[in-house]
Amino acid sequence: MRILYLGDIYGEAGLKAVVKFLPKIKDTTDYDLLFVNGENVTQGLGLNLKDYKKLMALGVAGISLGNHAFSKKELLTFIDDANVVRPLNYPKTTPGKPYLTINFNGTKVTIIQLMGRIFMHDPLNNPFEAIDTLLLSLESDYIIVDIHAEATSEKLALAHHMDGRVDAIVGTHTHVATNDAMRLPKGSLYITDLGMCGAKYGILGADKDIVLNKFLTGMPARLKPQETDILQLNGVLLDFDKNTIQPINYTDKE
């Protein structure tokens, strides 16, 4: 079983990056299922039905979200029936699936998302306790956990906590690909952050001039995606037959 998992898709540039580079990946990389993080797809904040359908048309099997999961209220009209996973450690009454299992030729593949609590400012349940409870009853051939968190220490701590109990742990949210793809001591595959799909020269995908002005003036400003044709795509290929994790990076050259 080989899984392609792409990092945070940011805005229209992120969708363009997936459309542009996915055929190139298919030419060189054999994978069975495609998962993505999609909490920043629609205008850099949330996910609407139109963009959800675009991702499904590209062959995406499942979408994990994050702290901007419900920024587009439209999501509430379709999330329960969609191939979308909201963070597991939201309260039980939160709409959406806490995990998603895909049946691929008789093989069950499950994606779960945990959201970190350090610097995240959301009233979340303990992610360590949430995953412990779920794993007591979850039956699946392969389990992949997307840790959507700010602190790298929290991501790695959660990864070691799950090591050997899940097949892969991939980090999202910080939009910068990390150079630590590895197999943990008990066998789980891991990377602290997948990186992002979107503008190569924005600041984490956002308009660089707006972000720079915030730093220079200290004044609040509403972010918007960087408008550009210079794109990047980041993710990993998880090969569970060989138990390997391979970073995937495509970028435009000027």
Protein backbone atom coordinates (compact mmCIF):
# COMPACT_ATOMS: atom_id res chain seq x y z
CA MET A 1 0.00 0.00 0.00
CA ARG A 2 1.39 3.37 -1.09
CA ILE A 3 -0.16 6.65 0.04
CA LEU A 4 0.53 10.15 -1.28
CA TYR A 5 -0.23 12.77 1.39
CA LEU A 6 0.01 16.46 0.39
CA GLY A 7 0.56 19.35 2.80
CA ASP A 8 -1.75 22.29 3.40
CA ILE A 9 -3.32 23.47 0.13
CA TYR A 10 -3.39 27.26 0.39
CA GLY A 11 -5.90 29.19 -1.72
CA GLU A 12 -6.27 29.22 -5.48
CA ALA A 13 -2.50 28.97 -5.92
CA GLY A 14 -2.57 25.76 -3.91
CA LEU A 15 -5.23 24.26 -6.15
CA LYS A 16 -3.26 25.34 -9.22
CA ALA A 17 -0.15 23.67 -7.79
CA VAL A 18 -1.98 20.38 -7.31
CA VAL A 19 -3.48 20.56 -10.82
CA LYS A 20 -0.08 21.38 -12.31
CA PHE A 21 2.19 18.96 -10.45
CA LEU A 22 -0.04 15.96 -9.76
CA PRO A 23 0.26 14.63 -13.34
CA LYS A 24 4.06 14.82 -13.01
CA ILE A 25 3.90 12.86 -9.77
CA LYS A 26 1.71 10.23 -11.43
CA ASP A 27 4.27 9.87 -14.23
CA THR A 28 7.03 8.96 -11.79
CA THR A 29 5.33 7.71 -8.63
CA ASP A 30 2.97 4.78 -8.24
CA TYR A 31 0.51 5.37 -5.39
CA ASP A 32 -2.82 3.86 -4.38
CA LEU A 33 -4.56 6.68 -2.51
CA LEU A 34 -4.21 10.46 -2.28
CA PHE A 35 -4.92 12.40 0.91
CA VAL A 36 -4.50 16.15 1.45
CA ASN A 37 -4.81 18.77 4.14
CA GLY A 38 -7.50 21.17 2.96
CA GLU A 39 -8.25 23.62 5.74
CA ASN A 40 -6.82 26.58 3.79
CA VAL A 41 -8.16 25.80 0.32
CA THR A 42 -10.93 28.37 -0.08
CA GLN A 43 -9.41 31.85 -0.21
CA GLY A 44 -6.79 30.71 2.30
CA LEU A 45 -9.32 30.02 5.05
CA GLY A 46 -11.62 27.00 5.23
CA LEU A 47 -13.24 24.81 2.59
CA ASN A 48 -16.40 25.36 0.55
CA LEU A 49 -18.38 22.88 -1.53
CA LYS A 50 -17.05 24.09 -4.87
CA ASP A 51 -13.43 23.55 -3.84
CA TYR A 52 -14.26 20.26 -2.15
CA LYS A 53 -15.66 19.00 -5.45
CA LYS A 54 -12.52 20.20 -7.27
CA LEU A 55 -10.37 18.12 -4.96
CA MET A 56 -12.58 15.07 -5.36
CA ALA A 57 -12.37 15.45 -9.16
CA LEU A 58 -8.55 15.37 -8.85
CA GLY A 59 -8.76 11.95 -7.24
CA VAL A 60 -8.42 12.94 -3.61
CA ALA A 61 -9.67 10.14 -1.34
CA GLY A 62 -9.82 12.13 1.88
CA ILE A 63 -9.24 15.63 3.27
CA SER A 64 -8.04 16.52 6.76
CA LEU A 65 -8.79 19.95 8.18
CA GLY A 66 -7.47 21.85 11.22
CA ASN A 67 -7.96 25.04 13.21
CA HIS A 68 -9.67 26.79 10.27
CA ALA A 69 -11.99 23.84 9.69
CA PHE A 70 -15.20 25.80 10.14
CA SER A 71 -14.12 29.20 8.83
CA LYS A 72 -16.49 28.70 5.89
CA LYS A 73 -19.94 28.05 7.37
CA GLU A 74 -20.92 26.40 4.09
CA LEU A 75 -18.89 23.39 5.23
CA LEU A 76 -21.59 22.62 7.79
CA THR A 77 -24.05 21.87 4.96
CA PHE A 78 -22.00 18.96 3.57
CA ILE A 79 -19.30 17.89 6.06
CA ASP A 80 -21.22 14.95 7.51
CA ASP A 81 -21.51 13.27 4.10
CA ALA A 82 -18.09 14.29 2.75
CA ASN A 83 -14.70 12.56 2.70
CA VAL A 84 -13.52 15.12 5.22
CA VAL A 85 -11.99 14.65 8.68
CA ARG A 86 -12.20 17.30 11.37
CA PRO A 87 -9.89 17.14 14.41
CA LEU A 88 -10.61 14.17 16.66
CA ASN A 89 -10.14 16.16 19.85
CA TYR A 90 -12.92 18.64 19.16
CA PRO A 91 -15.91 18.07 21.48
CA LYS A 92 -18.03 15.04 20.56
CA THR A 93 -20.91 17.29 19.50
CA THR A 94 -18.80 18.99 16.80
CA PRO A 95 -20.13 18.27 13.26
CA GLY A 96 -18.13 16.05 10.94
CA LYS A 97 -16.23 12.78 11.11
CA PRO A 98 -13.53 12.29 13.78
CA TYR A 99 -11.89 9.78 11.44
CA LEU A 100 -12.38 8.48 7.90
CA THR A 101 -11.88 4.92 6.68
CA ILE A 102 -11.46 4.23 2.96
CA ASN A 103 -11.90 0.70 1.61
CA PHE A 104 -9.35 0.19 -1.16
CA ASN A 105 -9.74 -3.21 -2.83
CA GLY A 106 -10.61 -4.80 0.49
CA THR A 107 -7.91 -2.95 2.46
CA LYS A 108 -9.06 -0.46 5.08
CA VAL A 109 -7.08 2.79 5.30
CA THR A 110 -8.01 5.26 8.04
CA ILE A 111 -7.00 8.90 8.41
CA ILE A 112 -7.32 10.70 11.72
CA GLN A 113 -6.53 14.28 12.62
CA LEU A 114 -5.35 15.49 15.99
CA MET A 115 -5.02 19.19 16.72
CA GLY A 116 -2.35 20.47 19.05
CA ARG A 117 -3.13 22.78 21.96
CA ILE A 118 0.12 24.72 22.40
CA PHE A 119 -0.28 28.22 20.87
CA MET A 120 -3.48 27.11 19.05
CA HIS A 121 -6.01 29.06 21.18
CA ASP A 122 -8.86 26.59 20.68
CA PRO A 123 -10.89 24.90 23.47
CA LEU A 124 -9.74 21.41 22.59
CA ASN A 125 -9.74 18.12 24.42
CA ASN A 126 -6.43 16.44 25.27
CA PRO A 127 -5.10 14.94 21.99
CA PHE A 128 -3.14 12.22 23.81
CA GLU A 129 -6.27 11.00 25.60
CA ALA A 130 -8.43 11.35 22.48
CA ILE A 131 -6.21 9.11 20.35
CA ASP A 132 -5.80 6.57 23.17
CA THR A 133 -9.57 6.19 23.42
CA LEU A 134 -10.09 5.83 19.66
CA LEU A 135 -7.31 3.29 19.15
CA LEU A 136 -8.91 0.98 21.71
CA SER A 137 -11.76 0.26 19.30
CA LEU A 138 -10.57 1.26 15.82
CA GLU A 139 -10.05 -1.61 13.37
CA SER A 140 -8.14 -0.78 10.20
CA ASP A 141 -5.32 -2.22 8.10
CA TYR A 142 -3.45 1.10 7.98
CA ILE A 143 -3.85 4.17 10.20
CA ILE A 144 -2.46 7.60 9.31
CA VAL A 145 -2.62 10.53 11.74
CA ASP A 146 -2.35 14.17 10.67
CA ILE A 147 -1.13 16.25 13.62
CA HIS A 148 -2.22 19.84 13.01
CA ALA A 149 -0.13 21.79 15.50
CA GLU A 150 2.09 24.82 15.99
CA ALA A 151 4.71 23.41 18.34
CA THR A 152 7.15 20.91 16.87
CA SER A 153 7.76 19.49 20.34
CA GLU A 154 4.05 18.68 20.72
CA LYS A 155 3.99 17.00 17.30
CA LEU A 156 6.99 14.83 18.11
CA ALA A 157 5.68 14.00 21.58
CA LEU A 158 2.36 12.86 20.10
CA ALA A 159 4.25 10.86 17.47
CA HIS A 160 6.28 8.97 20.08
CA HIS A 161 3.09 8.43 22.07
CA MET A 162 1.50 6.74 19.03
CA ASP A 163 4.62 5.02 17.73
CA GLY A 164 3.93 1.38 16.94
CA ARG A 165 0.17 1.82 17.30
CA VAL A 166 -0.40 3.69 14.03
CA ASP A 167 1.36 3.31 10.69
CA ALA A 168 2.23 6.94 9.91
CA ILE A 169 2.13 10.37 11.52
CA VAL A 170 2.37 13.51 9.37
CA GLY A 171 2.48 17.07 10.65
CA THR A 172 0.63 20.00 9.12
CA HIS A 173 -0.23 23.66 9.93
CA THR A 174 3.16 25.40 9.86
CA HIS A 175 3.41 25.22 6.03
CA VAL A 176 7.19 24.67 6.00
CA ALA A 177 8.43 21.21 5.02
CA THR A 178 10.79 19.73 7.61
CA ASN A 179 13.88 17.65 6.92
CA ASP A 180 13.15 14.87 9.41
CA ALA A 181 11.22 12.17 7.54
CA MET A 182 12.00 8.98 9.43
CA ARG A 183 10.87 5.68 10.86
CA LEU A 184 10.37 5.96 14.61
CA PRO A 185 11.82 3.33 17.00
CA LYS A 186 8.65 1.21 17.10
CA GLY A 187 8.07 1.41 13.34
CA SER A 188 5.70 4.31 12.66
CA LEU A 189 6.62 6.60 9.78
CA TYR A 190 6.92 10.29 10.70
CA ILE A 191 7.54 13.83 9.47
CA THR A 192 7.08 16.98 11.55
CA ASP A 193 5.53 18.98 8.71
CA LEU A 194 4.54 18.12 5.17
CA GLY A 195 4.94 21.69 3.94
CA MET A 196 2.35 23.34 1.74
CA CYS A 197 0.96 23.57 -1.78
CA GLY A 198 0.64 27.11 -3.11
CA ALA A 199 2.67 30.22 -3.77
CA LYS A 200 6.42 29.66 -3.66
CA TYR A 201 7.26 33.22 -2.63
CA GLY A 202 4.35 34.12 -0.36
CA ILE A 203 4.83 33.96 3.39
CA LEU A 204 3.37 30.56 4.29
CA GLY A 205 1.12 31.04 1.26
CA ALA A 206 -0.16 34.47 2.28
CA ASP A 207 0.48 37.76 0.51
CA LYS A 208 4.02 38.69 1.56
CA ASP A 209 3.42 42.46 1.54
CA ILE A 210 0.50 42.18 3.96
CA VAL A 211 2.50 39.96 6.31
CA LEU A 212 5.57 42.20 6.13
CA ASN A 213 3.44 45.22 6.97
CA LYS A 214 2.09 43.45 10.04
CA PHE A 215 5.61 42.82 11.28
CA LEU A 216 6.79 46.34 10.47
CA THR A 217 3.85 48.22 11.99
CA GLY A 218 2.45 45.85 14.60
CA MET A 219 -1.01 46.55 13.22
CA PRO A 220 -3.56 43.78 12.60
CA ALA A 221 -4.48 42.98 9.00
CA ARG A 222 -6.62 40.43 7.22
CA LEU A 223 -4.44 38.01 5.30
CA LYS A 224 -5.12 36.90 1.76
CA PRO A 225 -3.36 34.36 -0.47
CA GLN A 226 -0.33 35.43 -2.49
CA GLU A 227 -1.31 35.85 -6.14
CA THR A 228 1.37 34.24 -8.30
CA ASP A 229 2.10 31.75 -11.03
CA ILE A 230 5.28 30.57 -9.29
CA LEU A 231 4.09 27.52 -7.42
CA GLN A 232 5.25 24.76 -5.09
CA LEU A 233 3.86 21.40 -3.96
CA ASN A 234 5.00 19.47 -0.90
CA GLY A 235 4.03 16.17 0.68
CA VAL A 236 5.23 12.63 1.28
CA LEU A 237 4.91 9.19 -0.23
CA LEU A 238 4.18 6.59 2.44
CA ASP A 239 5.15 3.08 1.32
CA PHE A 240 3.77 0.64 3.86
CA ASP A 241 5.10 -2.39 2.00
CA LYS A 242 8.68 -1.15 2.37
CA ASN A 243 7.92 0.89 5.52
CA THR A 244 9.48 4.03 4.06
CA ILE A 245 8.56 7.71 3.93
CA GLN A 246 9.78 9.81 1.00
CA PRO A 247 9.37 13.61 0.84
CA ILE A 248 7.78 14.90 -2.38
CA ASN A 249 8.63 18.40 -3.60
CA TYR A 250 7.85 20.11 -6.89
CA THR A 251 8.47 23.77 -7.57
CA ASP A 252 8.50 26.22 -10.44
CA LYS A 253 11.82 27.64 -11.52
CA GLU A 254 11.99 31.27 -12.58
